[in-house]
Amino acid sequence: MFSNSNRKEVRPTAEVTTLIAGCTEIRGDIQFNGHLHLDGKIEGAIRGDGAQAMLTLSEHAKVIGELHAPHIIINGTVTGDVTASERLELASNARVEGNVYYKVLEMSAGAQINGKMVHRAEAPRQLPKPDAESAAADAKAT
């Protein structure tokens, strides 16, 4: 009757959203997949894993610690470094006390950053080096 054979394994996906409500305070690091929406307060680092991870801080959110995720949207207060490997959006109520590392940045009027802004461009792409056989064949052809 209560066998585990009928249970399905839950795997986090990009569609999964976790909400941390405004009346919630967490002390400790958080690691997540999918989307994390924060209305409360966190004292600790927040890390989003996976290419689709998105972190959203509402205007009521407060974080004391580092943020790391591919896509970060801030409309609250952050005391610590922010690293968005893909896209960082700073809404009008965003307040960041720390360095900001980003690939693409969208910043609304009124947003404030007290720290360095560091653009992290894609690494330059190099053409593949020809192997010895094709180089020799090209030399004979000319």
C-alpha atoms as a PDB file:
ATOM      1  CA  MET A   1       0.000   0.000   0.000  1.00  0.00           C
ATOM      2  CA  PHE A   2       2.817   2.429   0.880  1.00  0.00           C
ATOM      3  CA  SER A   3       5.502   1.132  -1.459  1.00  0.00           C
ATOM      4  CA  ASN A   4       8.032   3.486  -3.016  1.00  0.00           C
ATOM      5  CA  SER A   5       7.538   2.042  -6.494  1.00  0.00           C
ATOM      6  CA  ASN A   6       4.798   4.573  -7.382  1.00  0.00           C
ATOM      7  CA  ARG A   7       6.657   7.643  -6.147  1.00  0.00           C
ATOM      8  CA  LYS A   8       8.087   9.950  -8.770  1.00  0.00           C
ATOM      9  CA  GLU A   9      11.443  11.580  -8.218  1.00  0.00           C
ATOM     10  CA  VAL A  10      11.198  15.376  -8.178  1.00  0.00           C
ATOM     11  CA  ARG A  11      13.971  17.032 -10.148  1.00  0.00           C
ATOM     12  CA  PRO A  12      14.436  20.787 -10.013  1.00  0.00           C
ATOM     13  CA  THR A  13      13.910  22.569 -13.306  1.00  0.00           C
ATOM     14  CA  ALA A  14      14.066  26.152 -14.469  1.00  0.00           C
ATOM     15  CA  GLU A  15      10.282  26.406 -14.023  1.00  0.00           C
ATOM     16  CA  VAL A  16      10.483  25.747 -10.271  1.00  0.00           C
ATOM     17  CA  THR A  17      10.134  28.936  -8.228  1.00  0.00           C
ATOM     18  CA  THR A  18      10.982  29.231  -4.550  1.00  0.00           C
ATOM     19  CA  LEU A  19       9.568  32.139  -2.546  1.00  0.00           C
ATOM     20  CA  ILE A  20      11.120  33.439   0.650  1.00  0.00           C
ATOM     21  CA  ALA A  21       8.420  35.627   2.181  1.00  0.00           C
ATOM     22  CA  GLY A  22       8.881  39.081   3.648  1.00  0.00           C
ATOM     23  CA  CYS A  23       8.517  37.980   7.261  1.00  0.00           C
ATOM     24  CA  THR A  24      11.290  35.368   6.878  1.00  0.00           C
ATOM     25  CA  GLU A  25      14.897  35.807   8.006  1.00  0.00           C
ATOM     26  CA  ILE A  26      17.548  33.223   7.158  1.00  0.00           C
ATOM     27  CA  ARG A  27      21.090  33.044   8.511  1.00  0.00           C
ATOM     28  CA  GLY A  28      23.223  30.788   6.348  1.00  0.00           C
ATOM     29  CA  ASP A  29      24.127  30.138   2.736  1.00  0.00           C
ATOM     30  CA  ILE A  30      21.514  29.212   0.145  1.00  0.00           C
ATOM     31  CA  GLN A  31      22.066  27.181  -3.005  1.00  0.00           C
ATOM     32  CA  PHE A  32      19.206  26.820  -5.503  1.00  0.00           C
ATOM     33  CA  ASN A  33      18.174  25.683  -8.970  1.00  0.00           C
ATOM     34  CA  GLY A  34      15.408  27.276 -11.009  1.00  0.00           C
ATOM     35  CA  HIS A  35      14.057  30.610  -9.772  1.00  0.00           C
ATOM     36  CA  LEU A  36      14.361  32.094  -6.291  1.00  0.00           C
ATOM     37  CA  HIS A  37      12.225  35.113  -5.359  1.00  0.00           C
ATOM     38  CA  LEU A  38      13.231  36.874  -2.141  1.00  0.00           C
ATOM     39  CA  ASP A  39      11.029  39.239  -0.165  1.00  0.00           C
ATOM     40  CA  GLY A  40      12.711  38.578   3.203  1.00  0.00           C
ATOM     41  CA  LYS A  41      16.192  38.941   4.691  1.00  0.00           C
ATOM     42  CA  ILE A  42      19.170  36.630   4.247  1.00  0.00           C
ATOM     43  CA  GLU A  43      22.517  36.816   6.016  1.00  0.00           C
ATOM     44  CA  GLY A  44      24.715  34.559   3.921  1.00  0.00           C
ATOM     45  CA  ALA A  45      25.743  33.827   0.363  1.00  0.00           C
ATOM     46  CA  ILE A  46      23.177  32.941  -2.302  1.00  0.00           C
ATOM     47  CA  ARG A  47      24.277  30.780  -5.241  1.00  0.00           C
ATOM     48  CA  GLY A  48      22.145  29.810  -8.235  1.00  0.00           C
ATOM     49  CA  ASP A  49      23.294  26.654 -10.020  1.00  0.00           C
ATOM     50  CA  GLY A  50      22.528  25.828 -13.621  1.00  0.00           C
ATOM     51  CA  ALA A  51      22.321  27.970 -16.729  1.00  0.00           C
ATOM     52  CA  GLN A  52      18.649  28.829 -16.113  1.00  0.00           C
ATOM     53  CA  ALA A  53      18.980  29.885 -12.457  1.00  0.00           C
ATOM     54  CA  MET A  54      17.405  33.267 -11.730  1.00  0.00           C
ATOM     55  CA  LEU A  55      17.462  35.256  -8.485  1.00  0.00           C
ATOM     56  CA  THR A  56      14.945  38.047  -7.919  1.00  0.00           C
ATOM     57  CA  LEU A  57      15.086  40.448  -4.968  1.00  0.00           C
ATOM     58  CA  SER A  58      11.959  42.530  -4.405  1.00  0.00           C
ATOM     59  CA  GLU A  59      11.985  46.074  -3.050  1.00  0.00           C
ATOM     60  CA  HIS A  60      11.547  44.628   0.477  1.00  0.00           C
ATOM     61  CA  ALA A  61      14.431  42.129   0.201  1.00  0.00           C
ATOM     62  CA  LYS A  62      17.711  42.543   2.068  1.00  0.00           C
ATOM     63  CA  VAL A  63      20.823  40.399   1.633  1.00  0.00           C
ATOM     64  CA  ILE A  64      24.035  40.603   3.628  1.00  0.00           C
ATOM     65  CA  GLY A  65      26.339  38.346   1.658  1.00  0.00           C
ATOM     66  CA  GLU A  66      27.454  37.541  -1.872  1.00  0.00           C
ATOM     67  CA  LEU A  67      25.126  36.787  -4.778  1.00  0.00           C
ATOM     68  CA  HIS A  68      26.125  34.415  -7.610  1.00  0.00           C
ATOM     69  CA  ALA A  69      23.733  33.412 -10.412  1.00  0.00           C
ATOM     70  CA  PRO A  70      23.465  33.598 -14.187  1.00  0.00           C
ATOM     71  CA  HIS A  71      20.500  36.022 -14.074  1.00  0.00           C
ATOM     72  CA  ILE A  72      19.950  38.385 -11.143  1.00  0.00           C
ATOM     73  CA  ILE A  73      17.230  41.022 -10.730  1.00  0.00           C
ATOM     74  CA  ILE A  74      17.663  43.407  -7.791  1.00  0.00           C
ATOM     75  CA  ASN A  75      15.106  45.898  -6.495  1.00  0.00           C
ATOM     76  CA  GLY A  76      16.142  45.641  -2.835  1.00  0.00           C
ATOM     77  CA  THR A  77      19.323  46.040  -0.761  1.00  0.00           C
ATOM     78  CA  VAL A  78      22.513  43.984  -1.059  1.00  0.00           C
ATOM     79  CA  THR A  79      25.589  44.329   1.136  1.00  0.00           C
ATOM     80  CA  GLY A  80      28.180  42.194  -0.604  1.00  0.00           C
ATOM     81  CA  ASP A  81      29.518  41.422  -4.072  1.00  0.00           C
ATOM     82  CA  VAL A  82      27.118  40.566  -6.900  1.00  0.00           C
ATOM     83  CA  THR A  83      28.202  38.246  -9.732  1.00  0.00           C
ATOM     84  CA  ALA A  84      25.816  37.703 -12.637  1.00  0.00           C
ATOM     85  CA  SER A  85      27.432  35.429 -15.202  1.00  0.00           C
ATOM     86  CA  GLU A  86      24.828  36.332 -17.850  1.00  0.00           C
ATOM     87  CA  ARG A  87      22.506  39.249 -17.006  1.00  0.00           C
ATOM     88  CA  LEU A  88      22.116  41.704 -14.136  1.00  0.00           C
ATOM     89  CA  GLU A  89      19.057  43.939 -13.835  1.00  0.00           C
ATOM     90  CA  LEU A  90      19.057  46.759 -11.289  1.00  0.00           C
ATOM     91  CA  ALA A  91      15.607  48.247 -10.740  1.00  0.00           C
ATOM     92  CA  SER A  92      15.010  51.764  -9.441  1.00  0.00           C
ATOM     93  CA  ASN A  93      15.075  50.773  -5.730  1.00  0.00           C
ATOM     94  CA  ALA A  94      18.243  48.663  -6.010  1.00  0.00           C
ATOM     95  CA  ARG A  95      20.980  49.482  -3.494  1.00  0.00           C
ATOM     96  CA  VAL A  96      24.263  47.546  -3.747  1.00  0.00           C
ATOM     97  CA  GLU A  97      27.143  48.033  -1.296  1.00  0.00           C
ATOM     98  CA  GLY A  98      29.827  45.962  -2.992  1.00  0.00           C
ATOM     99  CA  ASN A  99      31.421  45.147  -6.304  1.00  0.00           C
ATOM    100  CA  VAL A 100      29.254  44.186  -9.268  1.00  0.00           C
ATOM    101  CA  TYR A 101      30.430  41.671 -11.895  1.00  0.00           C
ATOM    102  CA  TYR A 102      28.253  41.279 -14.971  1.00  0.00           C
ATOM    103  CA  LYS A 103      28.144  40.282 -18.630  1.00  0.00           C
ATOM    104  CA  VAL A 104      25.019  42.282 -19.576  1.00  0.00           C
ATOM    105  CA  LEU A 105      23.738  45.096 -17.346  1.00  0.00           C
ATOM    106  CA  GLU A 106      20.388  46.853 -17.305  1.00  0.00           C
ATOM    107  CA  MET A 107      20.203  49.681 -14.760  1.00  0.00           C
ATOM    108  CA  SER A 108      17.135  51.825 -14.113  1.00  0.00           C
ATOM    109  CA  ALA A 109      17.244  55.452 -13.001  1.00  0.00           C
ATOM    110  CA  GLY A 110      17.508  55.599  -9.217  1.00  0.00           C
ATOM    111  CA  ALA A 111      19.508  52.379  -8.747  1.00  0.00           C
ATOM    112  CA  GLN A 112      22.672  52.838  -6.664  1.00  0.00           C
ATOM    113  CA  ILE A 113      25.978  50.965  -6.586  1.00  0.00           C
ATOM    114  CA  ASN A 114      28.688  51.741  -4.054  1.00  0.00           C
ATOM    115  CA  GLY A 115      31.572  49.658  -5.386  1.00  0.00           C
ATOM    116  CA  LYS A 116      33.318  48.676  -8.604  1.00  0.00           C
ATOM    117  CA  MET A 117      31.428  47.737 -11.746  1.00  0.00           C
ATOM    118  CA  VAL A 118      33.353  45.076 -13.666  1.00  0.00           C
ATOM    119  CA  HIS A 119      32.265  43.927 -17.121  1.00  0.00           C
ATOM    120  CA  ARG A 120      33.022  40.260 -17.772  1.00  0.00           C
ATOM    121  CA  ALA A 121      33.003  39.811 -21.528  1.00  0.00           C
ATOM    122  CA  GLU A 122      33.122  36.458 -23.241  1.00  0.00           C
ATOM    123  CA  ALA A 123      36.591  35.076 -23.756  1.00  0.00           C
ATOM    124  CA  PRO A 124      37.876  35.816 -27.252  1.00  0.00           C
ATOM    125  CA  ARG A 125      37.232  32.961 -29.620  1.00  0.00           C
ATOM    126  CA  GLN A 126      40.165  31.506 -31.490  1.00  0.00           C
ATOM    127  CA  LEU A 127      40.125  29.598 -34.715  1.00  0.00           C
ATOM    128  CA  PRO A 128      41.112  25.973 -34.263  1.00  0.00           C
ATOM    129  CA  LYS A 129      44.738  25.299 -35.101  1.00  0.00           C
ATOM    130  CA  PRO A 130      45.198  23.148 -38.184  1.00  0.00           C
ATOM    131  CA  ASP A 131      46.577  19.728 -37.462  1.00  0.00           C
ATOM    132  CA  ALA A 132      49.895  18.615 -38.991  1.00  0.00           C
ATOM    133  CA  GLU A 133      48.302  16.472 -41.734  1.00  0.00           C
ATOM    134  CA  SER A 134      46.023  19.155 -43.147  1.00  0.00           C
ATOM    135  CA  ALA A 135      48.873  21.707 -42.966  1.00  0.00           C
ATOM    136  CA  ALA A 136      51.094  19.367 -44.976  1.00  0.00           C
ATOM    137  CA  ALA A 137      48.303  18.749 -47.508  1.00  0.00           C
ATOM    138  CA  ASP A 138      47.777  22.489 -47.880  1.00  0.00           C
ATOM    139  CA  ALA A 139      51.530  22.994 -48.427  1.00  0.00           C
ATOM    140  CA  LYS A 140      51.600  20.345 -51.204  1.00  0.00           C
ATOM    141  CA  ALA A 141      48.556  21.862 -52.917  1.00  0.00           C
ATOM    142  CA  THR A 142      50.254  25.244 -53.319  1.00  0.00           C
END
